[in-house]
Protein backbone atom coordinates (compact mmCIF):
# COMPACT_ATOMS: atom_id res chain seq x y z
CA UNK A 1 -0.36 9.99 -1.54
CA UNK A 2 0.36 13.71 -1.06
CA UNK A 3 2.67 14.82 1.50
CA UNK A 4 -0.41 16.98 2.99
CA UNK A 5 -2.61 13.78 3.26
CA UNK A 6 -0.13 11.96 5.25
CA UNK A 7 0.38 15.08 7.65
CA UNK A 8 -3.35 15.32 7.84
CA UNK A 9 -3.61 11.87 9.18
CA UNK A 10 -0.75 12.46 11.76
CA UNK A 11 -2.81 15.76 12.57
CA UNK A 12 -5.77 13.65 13.31
CA UNK A 13 -4.06 10.92 15.30
CA UNK A 14 -2.39 13.42 17.72
CA UNK A 15 -5.95 15.07 18.12
CA UNK A 16 -7.59 11.95 18.63
CA UNK A 17 -4.92 11.43 21.64
CA UNK A 18 -4.90 14.63 22.95
CA UNK A 19 -9.17 15.74 22.75
CA UNK A 20 -11.24 13.59 20.54
CA UNK A 21 -12.27 13.65 17.04
CA UNK A 22 -15.85 14.67 16.14
CA UNK A 23 -17.63 12.15 13.90
CA UNK A 24 -16.72 13.86 10.88
CA UNK A 25 -12.89 13.37 11.78
CA UNK A 26 -13.29 10.31 12.50
CA UNK A 27 -14.77 9.31 9.12
CA UNK A 28 -11.93 11.23 7.32
CA UNK A 29 -9.38 9.24 9.09
CA UNK A 30 -10.65 6.52 8.19
CA UNK A 31 -10.88 7.54 4.72
CA UNK A 32 -7.44 8.87 4.65
CA UNK A 33 -6.16 5.99 6.24
CA UNK A 34 -7.56 3.49 3.47
CA UNK A 35 -6.61 5.93 0.78
CA UNK A 36 -2.60 5.37 2.40
CA UNK A 37 -3.15 1.56 2.58
CA UNK A 38 -4.21 1.41 -1.03
CA UNK A 39 -1.26 3.38 -2.02
CA UNK A 40 1.29 1.34 -0.44
CA UNK A 41 -0.10 -1.64 -1.84
CA UNK A 42 -0.25 -0.18 -5.17
CA UNK A 43 3.31 0.58 -4.76
CA UNK A 44 4.23 -2.96 -3.35
CA UNK A 45 2.69 -4.69 -6.17
CA UNK A 46 4.49 -2.14 -8.35
CA UNK A 47 7.53 -3.34 -7.02
CA UNK A 48 7.10 -6.74 -6.90
CA UNK A 49 6.04 -6.86 -10.78
CA UNK A 50 9.57 -5.96 -11.33
CA UNK A 51 10.97 -8.88 -9.72
CA UNK A 52 12.78 -11.53 -11.47
CA UNK A 53 14.36 -14.80 -10.77
CA UNK A 54 17.45 -16.51 -12.25
CA UNK A 55 17.12 -20.07 -12.53
CA UNK A 56 19.90 -22.44 -11.68
CA UNK A 57 20.33 -23.12 -15.55
CA UNK A 58 20.98 -19.15 -15.83
CA UNK A 59 17.38 -18.67 -17.43
CA UNK A 60 15.67 -15.74 -15.88
CA UNK A 61 12.24 -15.77 -14.72
CA UNK A 62 9.84 -12.98 -13.88
CA UNK A 63 7.35 -13.14 -10.91
CA UNK A 64 4.69 -12.35 -13.23
CA UNK A 65 5.24 -15.32 -15.32
CA UNK A 66 5.15 -17.33 -12.12
CA UNK A 67 2.02 -16.08 -10.87
CA UNK A 68 0.44 -16.58 -14.19
CA UNK A 69 1.50 -19.95 -14.31
CA UNK A 70 -0.05 -20.87 -10.91
CA UNK A 71 -3.07 -19.44 -11.57
CA UNK A 72 -3.46 -21.78 -14.60
CA UNK A 73 -2.88 -24.90 -12.28
């Protein structure tokens, strides 16, 4: 998500509090917010996919391996 889109989200928010939004602006606000949430989720998923756990025996298990194992059960 670009800084321009984030700036537009903030602009629409402030406008909605001051004078209100047109129907078109309200739809744009919803769309931009959905894109923002999707970008946050992708970023979080990418971060979590890199997580590894060190087991008591010293071995390392990736979080994605644990997810695959739980999906099989």
